[in-house]
Amino acid sequence: MKPQVTVWYDGACPLCRREIAVMRRLDGQQRIEFIDVAEEGDAGCPIDKAELLARFHARENGRLYSGAAAFAAMWRAIPILRPIGLAAKSPLIEAVFERLYLLFLRQRPKLQRLFEASSG
């Protein structure tokens, strides 16, 4: 089966690696192609590598998503998470998720250090 969604993630980030490991386990039907931006050259994405590393990106049905919308696209490909991904298509829900994602981005450096320390 050909993957339905392509996800670009920061494989140099311990937090991101853990999260993607969980998503891989949940993606039993292999509907998602996971691309480690830290390792891949151009990573097959039409945007700059620095931008890929700064925000989460996914492509679903030829459309590129960023931030919370990218997470929602990934969730839609995983049966157990699909209802959350579908709910995130609502402009109100998507706006709430994006706001939460932006809060997470501000805390990401601290969380990365915490996860590096706990895995070392």
PDB file of N, CA and C in Angstrom:
ATOM      1  N   MET A   1       0.849  -1.185   0.000  1.00  0.00           N
ATOM      2  CA  MET A   1       0.000   0.000   0.000  1.00  0.00           C
ATOM      3  C   MET A   1       0.889   1.241   0.000  1.00  0.00           C
ATOM      4  N   LYS A   2       0.563   2.168  -0.859  1.00  0.00           N
ATOM      5  CA  LYS A   2       1.308   3.424  -0.940  1.00  0.00           C
ATOM      6  C   LYS A   2       0.898   4.326   0.229  1.00  0.00           C
ATOM      7  N   PRO A   3       1.881   4.977   0.885  1.00  0.00           N
ATOM      8  CA  PRO A   3       1.542   5.872   1.999  1.00  0.00           C
ATOM      9  C   PRO A   3       0.573   6.972   1.553  1.00  0.00           C
ATOM     10  N   GLN A   4      -0.343   7.323   2.444  1.00  0.00           N
ATOM     11  CA  GLN A   4      -1.324   8.370   2.175  1.00  0.00           C
ATOM     12  C   GLN A   4      -0.813   9.745   2.600  1.00  0.00           C
ATOM     13  N   VAL A   5       0.131   9.745   3.536  1.00  0.00           N
ATOM     14  CA  VAL A   5       0.627  10.991   4.113  1.00  0.00           C
ATOM     15  C   VAL A   5       2.154  10.913   4.205  1.00  0.00           C
ATOM     16  N   THR A   6       2.804  12.017   3.899  1.00  0.00           N
ATOM     17  CA  THR A   6       4.247  12.134   4.103  1.00  0.00           C
ATOM     18  C   THR A   6       4.463  13.115   5.240  1.00  0.00           C
ATOM     19  N   VAL A   7       5.291  12.717   6.193  1.00  0.00           N
ATOM     20  CA  VAL A   7       5.582  13.537   7.365  1.00  0.00           C
ATOM     21  C   VAL A   7       7.078  13.814   7.408  1.00  0.00           C
ATOM     22  N   TRP A   8       7.439  15.079   7.574  1.00  0.00           N
ATOM     23  CA  TRP A   8       8.831  15.469   7.749  1.00  0.00           C
ATOM     24  C   TRP A   8       9.020  15.825   9.220  1.00  0.00           C
ATOM     25  N   TYR A   9      10.069  15.254   9.833  1.00  0.00           N
ATOM     26  CA  TYR A   9      10.302  15.514  11.250  1.00  0.00           C
ATOM     27  C   TYR A   9      11.792  15.714  11.513  1.00  0.00           C
ATOM     28  N   ASP A  10      12.097  16.304  12.648  1.00  0.00           N
ATOM     29  CA  ASP A  10      13.476  16.598  13.049  1.00  0.00           C
ATOM     30  C   ASP A  10      14.024  15.412  13.833  1.00  0.00           C
ATOM     31  N   GLY A  11      14.756  14.540  13.140  1.00  0.00           N
ATOM     32  CA  GLY A  11      15.322  13.355  13.770  1.00  0.00           C
ATOM     33  C   GLY A  11      16.443  13.655  14.744  1.00  0.00           C
ATOM     34  N   ALA A  12      16.942  14.882  14.744  1.00  0.00           N
ATOM     35  CA  ALA A  12      17.977  15.272  15.707  1.00  0.00           C
ATOM     36  C   ALA A  12      17.359  15.697  17.039  1.00  0.00           C
ATOM     37  N   CYS A  13      16.061  15.810  17.077  1.00  0.00           N
ATOM     38  CA  CYS A  13      15.334  16.230  18.286  1.00  0.00           C
ATOM     39  C   CYS A  13      14.871  14.982  19.040  1.00  0.00           C
ATOM     40  N   PRO A  14      15.328  14.773  20.285  1.00  0.00           N
ATOM     41  CA  PRO A  14      14.936  13.576  21.029  1.00  0.00           C
ATOM     42  C   PRO A  14      13.425  13.506  21.288  1.00  0.00           C
ATOM     43  N   LEU A  15      12.821  14.641  21.505  1.00  0.00           N
ATOM     44  CA  LEU A  15      11.371  14.696  21.708  1.00  0.00           C
ATOM     45  C   LEU A  15      10.641  14.260  20.439  1.00  0.00           C
ATOM     46  N   CYS A  16      11.090  14.770  19.292  1.00  0.00           N
ATOM     47  CA  CYS A  16      10.473  14.427  18.011  1.00  0.00           C
ATOM     48  C   CYS A  16      10.647  12.946  17.697  1.00  0.00           C
ATOM     49  N   ARG A  17      11.840  12.410  17.957  1.00  0.00           N
ATOM     50  CA  ARG A  17      12.094  10.987  17.706  1.00  0.00           C
ATOM     51  C   ARG A  17      11.142  10.115  18.508  1.00  0.00           C
ATOM     52  N   ARG A  18      10.928  10.474  19.762  1.00  0.00           N
ATOM     53  CA  ARG A  18      10.009   9.695  20.609  1.00  0.00           C
ATOM     54  C   ARG A  18       8.579   9.770  20.086  1.00  0.00           C
ATOM     55  N   GLU A  19       8.172  10.954  19.720  1.00  0.00           N
ATOM     56  CA  GLU A  19       6.810  11.125  19.210  1.00  0.00           C
ATOM     57  C   GLU A  19       6.608  10.348  17.916  1.00  0.00           C
ATOM     58  N   ILE A  20       7.571  10.410  17.010  1.00  0.00           N
ATOM     59  CA  ILE A  20       7.463   9.693  15.744  1.00  0.00           C
ATOM     60  C   ILE A  20       7.498   8.186  15.988  1.00  0.00           C
ATOM     61  N   ALA A  21       8.258   7.732  16.964  1.00  0.00           N
ATOM     62  CA  ALA A  21       8.282   6.300  17.302  1.00  0.00           C
ATOM     63  C   ALA A  21       6.887   5.826  17.708  1.00  0.00           C
ATOM     64  N   VAL A  22       6.177   6.640  18.474  1.00  0.00           N
ATOM     65  CA  VAL A  22       4.809   6.295  18.866  1.00  0.00           C
ATOM     66  C   VAL A  22       3.899   6.256  17.632  1.00  0.00           C
ATOM     67  N   MET A  23       4.032   7.257  16.762  1.00  0.00           N
ATOM     68  CA  MET A  23       3.198   7.305  15.558  1.00  0.00           C
ATOM     69  C   MET A  23       3.479   6.111  14.647  1.00  0.00           C
ATOM     70  N   ARG A  24       4.736   5.703  14.539  1.00  0.00           N
ATOM     71  CA  ARG A  24       5.087   4.525  13.725  1.00  0.00           C
ATOM     72  C   ARG A  24       4.407   3.272  14.272  1.00  0.00           C
ATOM     73  N   ARG A  25       4.402   3.135  15.604  1.00  0.00           N
ATOM     74  CA  ARG A  25       3.741   1.959  16.208  1.00  0.00           C
ATOM     75  C   ARG A  25       2.241   1.982  15.945  1.00  0.00           C
ATOM     76  N   LEU A  26       1.645   3.161  15.994  1.00  0.00           N
ATOM     77  CA  LEU A  26       0.201   3.272  15.754  1.00  0.00           C
ATOM     78  C   LEU A  26      -0.155   3.106  14.272  1.00  0.00           C
ATOM     79  N   ASP A  27       0.804   3.365  13.399  1.00  0.00           N
ATOM     80  CA  ASP A  27       0.589   3.294  11.949  1.00  0.00           C
ATOM     81  C   ASP A  27       0.848   1.868  11.437  1.00  0.00           C
ATOM     82  N   GLY A  28       0.069   0.924  11.940  1.00  0.00           N
ATOM     83  CA  GLY A  28       0.252  -0.476  11.587  1.00  0.00           C
ATOM     84  C   GLY A  28       0.064  -0.769  10.109  1.00  0.00           C
ATOM     85  N   GLN A  29      -0.718   0.026   9.422  1.00  0.00           N
ATOM     86  CA  GLN A  29      -0.972  -0.198   7.995  1.00  0.00           C
ATOM     87  C   GLN A  29       0.008   0.574   7.115  1.00  0.00           C
ATOM     88  N   GLN A  30       0.977   1.219   7.735  1.00  0.00           N
ATOM     89  CA  GLN A  30       2.023   1.974   7.037  1.00  0.00           C
ATOM     90  C   GLN A  30       1.446   2.954   6.017  1.00  0.00           C
ATOM     91  N   ARG A  31       0.535   3.758   6.490  1.00  0.00           N
ATOM     92  CA  ARG A  31      -0.092   4.791   5.656  1.00  0.00           C
ATOM     93  C   ARG A  31       0.724   6.077   5.627  1.00  0.00           C
ATOM     94  N   ILE A  32       1.760   6.144   6.482  1.00  0.00           N
ATOM     95  CA  ILE A  32       2.549   7.364   6.593  1.00  0.00           C
ATOM     96  C   ILE A  32       3.998   7.074   6.211  1.00  0.00           C
ATOM     97  N   GLU A  33       4.550   7.949   5.389  1.00  0.00           N
ATOM     98  CA  GLU A  33       5.975   7.912   5.088  1.00  0.00           C
ATOM     99  C   GLU A  33       6.633   8.953   5.977  1.00  0.00           C
ATOM    100  N   PHE A  34       7.514   8.519   6.853  1.00  0.00           N
ATOM    101  CA  PHE A  34       8.209   9.412   7.769  1.00  0.00           C
ATOM    102  C   PHE A  34       9.584   9.729   7.208  1.00  0.00           C
ATOM    103  N   ILE A  35       9.897  11.020   7.081  1.00  0.00           N
ATOM    104  CA  ILE A  35      11.186  11.448   6.545  1.00  0.00           C
ATOM    105  C   ILE A  35      11.907  12.277   7.605  1.00  0.00           C
ATOM    106  N   ASP A  36      13.090  11.807   7.965  1.00  0.00           N
ATOM    107  CA  ASP A  36      13.933  12.494   8.938  1.00  0.00           C
ATOM    108  C   ASP A  36      14.660  13.633   8.219  1.00  0.00           C
ATOM    109  N   VAL A  37      14.254  14.845   8.465  1.00  0.00           N
ATOM    110  CA  VAL A  37      14.821  16.025   7.799  1.00  0.00           C
ATOM    111  C   VAL A  37      16.285  16.224   8.182  1.00  0.00           C
ATOM    112  N   ALA A  38      16.643  15.847   9.397  1.00  0.00           N
ATOM    113  CA  ALA A  38      18.020  16.023   9.849  1.00  0.00           C
ATOM    114  C   ALA A  38      18.982  15.127   9.072  1.00  0.00           C
ATOM    115  N   GLU A  39      18.489  14.008   8.538  1.00  0.00           N
ATOM    116  CA  GLU A  39      19.352  13.071   7.812  1.00  0.00           C
ATOM    117  C   GLU A  39      19.249  13.191   6.301  1.00  0.00           C
ATOM    118  N   GLU A  40      18.077  13.449   5.795  1.00  0.00           N
ATOM    119  CA  GLU A  40      17.865  13.497   4.345  1.00  0.00           C
ATOM    120  C   GLU A  40      18.455  14.764   3.736  1.00  0.00           C
ATOM    121  N   GLY A  41      18.893  14.675   2.488  1.00  0.00           N
ATOM    122  CA  GLY A  41      19.420  15.845   1.774  1.00  0.00           C
ATOM    123  C   GLY A  41      18.344  16.886   1.558  1.00  0.00           C
ATOM    124  N   ASP A  42      17.598  16.781   0.462  1.00  0.00           N
ATOM    125  CA  ASP A  42      16.529  17.744   0.192  1.00  0.00           C
ATOM    126  C   ASP A  42      15.213  17.295   0.810  1.00  0.00           C
ATOM    127  N   ALA A  43      15.166  16.077   1.303  1.00  0.00           N
ATOM    128  CA  ALA A  43      14.013  15.503   2.012  1.00  0.00           C
ATOM    129  C   ALA A  43      12.758  15.434   1.154  1.00  0.00           C
ATOM    130  N   GLY A  44      12.866  15.708  -0.136  1.00  0.00           N
ATOM    131  CA  GLY A  44      11.720  15.578  -1.032  1.00  0.00           C
ATOM    132  C   GLY A  44      10.597  16.559  -0.774  1.00  0.00           C
ATOM    133  N   CYS A  45      10.863  17.624  -0.078  1.00  0.00           N
ATOM    134  CA  CYS A  45       9.832  18.610   0.236  1.00  0.00           C
ATOM    135  C   CYS A  45      10.117  19.907  -0.513  1.00  0.00           C
ATOM    136  N   PRO A  46       9.067  20.560  -0.985  1.00  0.00           N
ATOM    137  CA  PRO A  46       9.259  21.779  -1.776  1.00  0.00           C
ATOM    138  C   PRO A  46       9.592  23.034  -0.973  1.00  0.00           C
ATOM    139  N   ILE A  47       9.878  22.898   0.305  1.00  0.00           N
ATOM    140  CA  ILE A  47      10.245  24.080   1.092  1.00  0.00           C
ATOM    141  C   ILE A  47      11.631  23.900   1.695  1.00  0.00           C
ATOM    142  N   ASP A  48      12.174  24.971   2.202  1.00  0.00           N
ATOM    143  CA  ASP A  48      13.521  25.033   2.743  1.00  0.00           C
ATOM    144  C   ASP A  48      13.681  24.125   3.971  1.00  0.00           C
ATOM    145  N   LYS A  49      14.857  23.499   4.071  1.00  0.00           N
ATOM    146  CA  LYS A  49      15.139  22.592   5.186  1.00  0.00           C
ATOM    147  C   LYS A  49      15.017  23.299   6.535  1.00  0.00           C
ATOM    148  N   ALA A  50      15.469  24.535   6.630  1.00  0.00           N
ATOM    149  CA  ALA A  50      15.377  25.280   7.894  1.00  0.00           C
ATOM    150  C   ALA A  50      13.914  25.429   8.320  1.00  0.00           C
ATOM    151  N   GLU A  51      13.045  25.672   7.356  1.00  0.00           N
ATOM    152  CA  GLU A  51      11.620  25.791   7.666  1.00  0.00           C
ATOM    153  C   GLU A  51      11.048  24.442   8.105  1.00  0.00           C
ATOM    154  N   LEU A  52      11.515  23.361   7.457  1.00  0.00           N
ATOM    155  CA  LEU A  52      11.076  22.019   7.844  1.00  0.00           C
ATOM    156  C   LEU A  52      11.471  21.709   9.287  1.00  0.00           C
ATOM    157  N   LEU A  53      12.646  22.165   9.683  1.00  0.00           N
ATOM    158  CA  LEU A  53      13.122  21.913  11.041  1.00  0.00           C
ATOM    159  C   LEU A  53      12.434  22.807  12.067  1.00  0.00           C
ATOM    160  N   ALA A  54      11.949  23.953  11.639  1.00  0.00           N
ATOM    161  CA  ALA A  54      11.328  24.908  12.563  1.00  0.00           C
ATOM    162  C   ALA A  54       9.890  24.541  12.919  1.00  0.00           C
ATOM    163  N   ARG A  55       9.187  23.921  11.972  1.00  0.00           N
ATOM    164  CA  ARG A  55       7.775  23.563  12.181  1.00  0.00           C
ATOM    165  C   ARG A  55       7.527  22.180  11.609  1.00  0.00           C
ATOM    166  N   PHE A  56       6.543  21.513  12.150  1.00  0.00           N
ATOM    167  CA  PHE A  56       6.149  20.189  11.677  1.00  0.00           C
ATOM    168  C   PHE A  56       5.407  20.336  10.350  1.00  0.00           C
ATOM    169  N   HIS A  57       5.732  19.483   9.369  1.00  0.00           N
ATOM    170  CA  HIS A  57       5.096  19.544   8.050  1.00  0.00           C
ATOM    171  C   HIS A  57       4.632  18.160   7.611  1.00  0.00           C
ATOM    172  N   ALA A  58       3.530  18.131   6.883  1.00  0.00           N
ATOM    173  CA  ALA A  58       3.016  16.889   6.317  1.00  0.00           C
ATOM    174  C   ALA A  58       2.327  17.194   4.996  1.00  0.00           C
ATOM    175  N   ARG A  59       2.334  16.194   4.117  1.00  0.00           N
ATOM    176  CA  ARG A  59       1.612  16.319   2.848  1.00  0.00           C
ATOM    177  C   ARG A  59       0.571  15.209   2.806  1.00  0.00           C
ATOM    178  N   GLU A  60      -0.655  15.631   2.528  1.00  0.00           N
ATOM    179  CA  GLU A  60      -1.786  14.709   2.428  1.00  0.00           C
ATOM    180  C   GLU A  60      -2.531  15.025   1.139  1.00  0.00           C
ATOM    181  N   ASN A  61      -2.711  14.008   0.308  1.00  0.00           N
ATOM    182  CA  ASN A  61      -3.419  14.191  -0.967  1.00  0.00           C
ATOM    183  C   ASN A  61      -2.853  15.352  -1.780  1.00  0.00           C
ATOM    184  N   GLY A  62      -1.522  15.475  -1.784  1.00  0.00           N
ATOM    185  CA  GLY A  62      -0.867  16.510  -2.570  1.00  0.00           C
ATOM    186  C   GLY A  62      -0.848  17.890  -1.945  1.00  0.00           C
ATOM    187  N   ARG A  63      -1.487  18.058  -0.799  1.00  0.00           N
ATOM    188  CA  ARG A  63      -1.535  19.359  -0.127  1.00  0.00           C
ATOM    189  C   ARG A  63      -0.558  19.385   1.038  1.00  0.00           C
ATOM    190  N   LEU A  64       0.234  20.449   1.133  1.00  0.00           N
ATOM    191  CA  LEU A  64       1.218  20.598   2.190  1.00  0.00           C
ATOM    192  C   LEU A  64       0.605  21.319   3.389  1.00  0.00           C
ATOM    193  N   TYR A  65       0.795  20.744   4.563  1.00  0.00           N
ATOM    194  CA  TYR A  65       0.286  21.326   5.808  1.00  0.00           C
ATOM    195  C   TYR A  65       1.455  21.632   6.733  1.00  0.00           C
ATOM    196  N   SER A  66       1.255  22.598   7.625  1.00  0.00           N
ATOM    197  CA  SER A  66       2.279  22.997   8.575  1.00  0.00           C
ATOM    198  C   SER A  66       1.654  23.138   9.955  1.00  0.00           C
ATOM    199  N   GLY A  67       2.463  22.895  10.983  1.00  0.00           N
ATOM    200  CA  GLY A  67       1.997  23.090  12.346  1.00  0.00           C
ATOM    201  C   GLY A  67       0.917  22.112  12.749  1.00  0.00           C
ATOM    202  N   ALA A  68      -0.095  22.614  13.459  1.00  0.00           N
ATOM    203  CA  ALA A  68      -1.168  21.763  13.959  1.00  0.00           C
ATOM    204  C   ALA A  68      -1.914  21.066  12.822  1.00  0.00           C
ATOM    205  N   ALA A  69      -2.066  21.731  11.699  1.00  0.00           N
ATOM    206  CA  ALA A  69      -2.757  21.119  10.554  1.00  0.00           C
ATOM    207  C   ALA A  69      -1.975  19.914  10.039  1.00  0.00           C
ATOM    208  N   ALA A  70      -0.646  19.948  10.139  1.00  0.00           N
ATOM    209  CA  ALA A  70       0.183  18.814   9.723  1.00  0.00           C
ATOM    210  C   ALA A  70      -0.021  17.636  10.678  1.00  0.00           C
ATOM    211  N   PHE A  71      -0.100  17.921  11.972  1.00  0.00           N
ATOM    212  CA  PHE A  71      -0.390  16.851  12.929  1.00  0.00           C
ATOM    213  C   PHE A  71      -1.752  16.225  12.622  1.00  0.00           C
ATOM    214  N   ALA A  72      -2.737  17.065  12.337  1.00  0.00           N
ATOM    215  CA  ALA A  72      -4.077  16.564  12.030  1.00  0.00           C
ATOM    216  C   ALA A  72      -4.055  15.663  10.794  1.00  0.00           C
ATOM    217  N   ALA A  73      -3.285  16.039   9.782  1.00  0.00           N
ATOM    218  CA  ALA A  73      -3.166  15.203   8.584  1.00  0.00           C
ATOM    219  C   ALA A  73      -2.577  13.846   8.945  1.00  0.00           C
ATOM    220  N   MET A  74      -1.554  13.847   9.786  1.00  0.00           N
ATOM    221  CA  MET A  74      -0.941  12.594  10.223  1.00  0.00           C
ATOM    222  C   MET A  74      -1.955  11.760  11.009  1.00  0.00           C
ATOM    223  N   TRP A  75      -2.676  12.385  11.910  1.00  0.00           N
ATOM    224  CA  TRP A  75      -3.664  11.668  12.718  1.00  0.00           C
ATOM    225  C   TRP A  75      -4.746  11.035  11.852  1.00  0.00           C
ATOM    226  N   ARG A  76      -5.150  11.720  10.776  1.00  0.00           N
ATOM    227  CA  ARG A  76      -6.206  11.172   9.906  1.00  0.00           C
ATOM    228  C   ARG A  76      -5.791   9.861   9.245  1.00  0.00           C
ATOM    229  N   ALA A  77      -4.488   9.635   9.117  1.00  0.00           N
ATOM    230  CA  ALA A  77      -3.985   8.411   8.487  1.00  0.00           C
ATOM    231  C   ALA A  77      -3.916   7.235   9.466  1.00  0.00           C
ATOM    232  N   ILE A  78      -4.090   7.497  10.760  1.00  0.00           N
ATOM    233  CA  ILE A  78      -4.000   6.465  11.793  1.00  0.00           C
ATOM    234  C   ILE A  78      -5.403   6.227  12.343  1.00  0.00           C
ATOM    235  N   PRO A  79      -5.960   5.040  12.111  1.00  0.00           N
ATOM    236  CA  PRO A  79      -7.358   4.800  12.476  1.00  0.00           C
ATOM    237  C   PRO A  79      -7.753   5.229  13.889  1.00  0.00           C
ATOM    238  N   ILE A  80      -6.951   4.936  14.886  1.00  0.00           N
ATOM    239  CA  ILE A  80      -7.337   5.284  16.262  1.00  0.00           C
ATOM    240  C   ILE A  80      -7.339   6.798  16.505  1.00  0.00           C
ATOM    241  N   LEU A  81      -6.538   7.541  15.733  1.00  0.00           N
ATOM    242  CA  LEU A  81      -6.459   8.994  15.890  1.00  0.00           C
ATOM    243  C   LEU A  81      -7.291   9.751  14.853  1.00  0.00           C
ATOM    244  N   ARG A  82      -7.846   9.030  13.893  1.00  0.00           N
ATOM    245  CA  ARG A  82      -8.591   9.653  12.796  1.00  0.00           C
ATOM    246  C   ARG A  82      -9.698  10.597  13.268  1.00  0.00           C
ATOM    247  N   PRO A  83     -10.493  10.234  14.288  1.00  0.00           N
ATOM    248  CA  PRO A  83     -11.541  11.174  14.725  1.00  0.00           C
ATOM    249  C   PRO A  83     -10.994  12.537  15.158  1.00  0.00           C
ATOM    250  N   ILE A  84      -9.842  12.546  15.817  1.00  0.00           N
ATOM    251  CA  ILE A  84      -9.244  13.820  16.231  1.00  0.00           C
ATOM    252  C   ILE A  84      -8.783  14.599  14.998  1.00  0.00           C
ATOM    253  N   GLY A  85      -8.170  13.893  14.042  1.00  0.00           N
ATOM    254  CA  GLY A  85      -7.721  14.532  12.810  1.00  0.00           C
ATOM    255  C   GLY A  85      -8.872  15.107  12.007  1.00  0.00           C
ATOM    256  N   LEU A  86      -9.996  14.392  11.979  1.00  0.00           N
ATOM    257  CA  LEU A  86     -11.175  14.898  11.261  1.00  0.00           C
ATOM    258  C   LEU A  86     -11.774  16.104  11.986  1.00  0.00           C
ATOM    259  N   ALA A  87     -11.804  16.038  13.310  1.00  0.00           N
ATOM    260  CA  ALA A  87     -12.335  17.169  14.090  1.00  0.00           C
ATOM    261  C   ALA A  87     -11.493  18.421  13.847  1.00  0.00           C
ATOM    262  N   ALA A  88     -10.191  18.230  13.635  1.00  0.00           N
ATOM    263  CA  ALA A  88      -9.286  19.365  13.441  1.00  0.00           C
ATOM    264  C   ALA A  88      -9.512  20.068  12.107  1.00  0.00           C
ATOM    265  N   LYS A  89     -10.349  19.503  11.245  1.00  0.00           N
ATOM    266  CA  LYS A  89     -10.700  20.204   9.997  1.00  0.00           C
ATOM    267  C   LYS A  89     -11.625  21.382  10.271  1.00  0.00           C
ATOM    268  N   SER A  90     -12.282  21.368  11.417  1.00  0.00           N
ATOM    269  CA  SER A  90     -13.131  22.488  11.814  1.00  0.00           C
ATOM    270  C   SER A  90     -12.234  23.703  12.059  1.00  0.00           C
ATOM    271  N   PRO A  91     -12.572  24.850  11.473  1.00  0.00           N
ATOM    272  CA  PRO A  91     -11.730  26.047  11.676  1.00  0.00           C
ATOM    273  C   PRO A  91     -11.517  26.394  13.147  1.00  0.00           C
ATOM    274  N   LEU A  92     -12.531  26.214  13.973  1.00  0.00           N
ATOM    275  CA  LEU A  92     -12.398  26.541  15.397  1.00  0.00           C
ATOM    276  C   LEU A  92     -11.428  25.576  16.081  1.00  0.00           C
ATOM    277  N   ILE A  93     -11.596  24.285  15.854  1.00  0.00           N
ATOM    278  CA  ILE A  93     -10.716  23.281  16.466  1.00  0.00           C
ATOM    279  C   ILE A  93      -9.284  23.466  15.950  1.00  0.00           C
ATOM    280  N   GLU A  94      -9.146  23.691  14.649  1.00  0.00           N
ATOM    281  CA  GLU A  94      -7.816  23.893  14.071  1.00  0.00           C
ATOM    282  C   GLU A  94      -7.129  25.108  14.698  1.00  0.00           C
ATOM    283  N   ALA A  95      -7.879  26.174  14.920  1.00  0.00           N
ATOM    284  CA  ALA A  95      -7.308  27.384  15.532  1.00  0.00           C
ATOM    285  C   ALA A  95      -6.838  27.106  16.963  1.00  0.00           C
ATOM    286  N   VAL A  96      -7.610  26.334  17.710  1.00  0.00           N
ATOM    287  CA  VAL A  96      -7.215  25.974  19.075  1.00  0.00           C
ATOM    288  C   VAL A  96      -5.954  25.114  19.042  1.00  0.00           C
ATOM    289  N   PHE A  97      -5.930  24.096  18.171  1.00  0.00           N
ATOM    290  CA  PHE A  97      -4.748  23.239  18.055  1.00  0.00           C
ATOM    291  C   PHE A  97      -3.516  24.045  17.640  1.00  0.00           C
ATOM    292  N   GLU A  98      -3.696  24.984  16.718  1.00  0.00           N
ATOM    293  CA  GLU A  98      -2.556  25.789  16.269  1.00  0.00           C
ATOM    294  C   GLU A  98      -2.030  26.663  17.400  1.00  0.00           C
ATOM    295  N   ARG A  99      -2.926  27.210  18.181  1.00  0.00           N
ATOM    296  CA  ARG A  99      -2.501  28.030  19.318  1.00  0.00           C
ATOM    297  C   ARG A  99      -1.709  27.185  20.320  1.00  0.00           C
ATOM    298  N   LEU A 100      -2.177  25.963  20.577  1.00  0.00           N
ATOM    299  CA  LEU A 100      -1.464  25.047  21.466  1.00  0.00           C
ATOM    300  C   LEU A 100      -0.102  24.664  20.870  1.00  0.00           C
ATOM    301  N   TYR A 101      -0.074  24.469  19.554  1.00  0.00           N
ATOM    302  CA  TYR A 101       1.185  24.128  18.893  1.00  0.00           C
ATOM    303  C   TYR A 101       2.196  25.274  19.026  1.00  0.00           C
ATOM    304  N   LEU A 102       1.743  26.494  18.863  1.00  0.00           N
ATOM    305  CA  LEU A 102       2.635  27.652  19.008  1.00  0.00           C
ATOM    306  C   LEU A 102       3.176  27.763  20.437  1.00  0.00           C
ATOM    307  N   LEU A 103       2.336  27.451  21.418  1.00  0.00           N
ATOM    308  CA  LEU A 103       2.810  27.426  22.810  1.00  0.00           C
ATOM    309  C   LEU A 103       3.868  26.343  22.983  1.00  0.00           C
ATOM    310  N   PHE A 104       3.626  25.186  22.384  1.00  0.00           N
ATOM    311  CA  PHE A 104       4.606  24.104  22.440  1.00  0.00           C
ATOM    312  C   PHE A 104       5.932  24.536  21.813  1.00  0.00           C
ATOM    313  N   LEU A 105       5.877  25.205  20.660  1.00  0.00           N
ATOM    314  CA  LEU A 105       7.107  25.621  19.983  1.00  0.00           C
ATOM    315  C   LEU A 105       7.968  26.511  20.869  1.00  0.00           C
ATOM    316  N   ARG A 106       7.329  27.351  21.674  1.00  0.00           N
ATOM    317  CA  ARG A 106       8.084  28.218  22.576  1.00  0.00           C
ATOM    318  C   ARG A 106       8.803  27.402  23.653  1.00  0.00           C
ATOM    319  N   GLN A 107       8.192  26.284  24.045  1.00  0.00           N
ATOM    320  CA  GLN A 107       8.763  25.434  25.096  1.00  0.00           C
ATOM    321  C   GLN A 107       9.654  24.327  24.538  1.00  0.00           C
ATOM    322  N   ARG A 108       9.658  24.155  23.227  1.00  0.00           N
ATOM    323  CA  ARG A 108      10.374  23.042  22.606  1.00  0.00           C
ATOM    324  C   ARG A 108      11.857  22.974  22.999  1.00  0.00           C
ATOM    325  N   PRO A 109      12.612  24.072  22.982  1.00  0.00           N
ATOM    326  CA  PRO A 109      14.031  23.961  23.375  1.00  0.00           C
ATOM    327  C   PRO A 109      14.222  23.409  24.793  1.00  0.00           C
ATOM    328  N   LYS A 110      13.401  23.858  25.728  1.00  0.00           N
ATOM    329  CA  LYS A 110      13.494  23.349  27.106  1.00  0.00           C
ATOM    330  C   LYS A 110      13.139  21.868  27.150  1.00  0.00           C
ATOM    331  N   LEU A 111      12.097  21.489  26.440  1.00  0.00           N
ATOM    332  CA  LEU A 111      11.678  20.085  26.415  1.00  0.00           C
ATOM    333  C   LEU A 111      12.733  19.207  25.757  1.00  0.00           C
ATOM    334  N   GLN A 112      13.374  19.706  24.714  1.00  0.00           N
ATOM    335  CA  GLN A 112      14.434  18.944  24.054  1.00  0.00           C
ATOM    336  C   GLN A 112      15.574  18.666  25.026  1.00  0.00           C
ATOM    337  N   ARG A 113      15.979  19.686  25.771  1.00  0.00           N
ATOM    338  CA  ARG A 113      17.059  19.492  26.739  1.00  0.00           C
ATOM    339  C   ARG A 113      16.656  18.475  27.806  1.00  0.00           C
ATOM    340  N   LEU A 114      15.416  18.549  28.239  1.00  0.00           N
ATOM    341  CA  LEU A 114      14.916  17.609  29.239  1.00  0.00           C
ATOM    342  C   LEU A 114      14.946  16.173  28.701  1.00  0.00           C
ATOM    343  N   PHE A 115      14.497  15.989  27.458  1.00  0.00           N
ATOM    344  CA  PHE A 115      14.483  14.660  26.870  1.00  0.00           C
ATOM    345  C   PHE A 115      15.897  14.162  26.568  1.00  0.00           C
ATOM    346  N   GLU A 116      16.801  15.066  26.207  1.00  0.00           N
ATOM    347  CA  GLU A 116      18.205  14.675  25.994  1.00  0.00           C
ATOM    348  C   GLU A 116      18.805  14.182  27.298  1.00  0.00           C
ATOM    349  N   ALA A 117      18.524  14.895  28.382  1.00  0.00           N
ATOM    350  CA  ALA A 117      19.069  14.522  29.685  1.00  0.00           C
ATOM    351  C   ALA A 117      18.500  13.179  30.161  1.00  0.00           C
ATOM    352  N   SER A 118      17.215  12.931  29.899  1.00  0.00           N
ATOM    353  CA  SER A 118      16.589  11.695  30.349  1.00  0.00           C
ATOM    354  C   SER A 118      16.982  10.480  29.512  1.00  0.00           C
ATOM    355  N   SER A 119      17.439  10.719  28.271  1.00  0.00           N
ATOM    356  CA  SER A 119      17.825   9.577  27.423  1.00  0.00           C
ATOM    357  C   SER A 119      19.332   9.343  27.446  1.00  0.00           C
ATOM    358  N   GLY A 120      20.068  10.206  28.123  1.00  0.00           N
ATOM    359  CA  GLY A 120      21.522  10.084  28.143  1.00  0.00           C
ATOM    360  C   GLY A 120      22.082   9.400  29.315  1.00  0.00           C
TER     361      GLY A 120
END
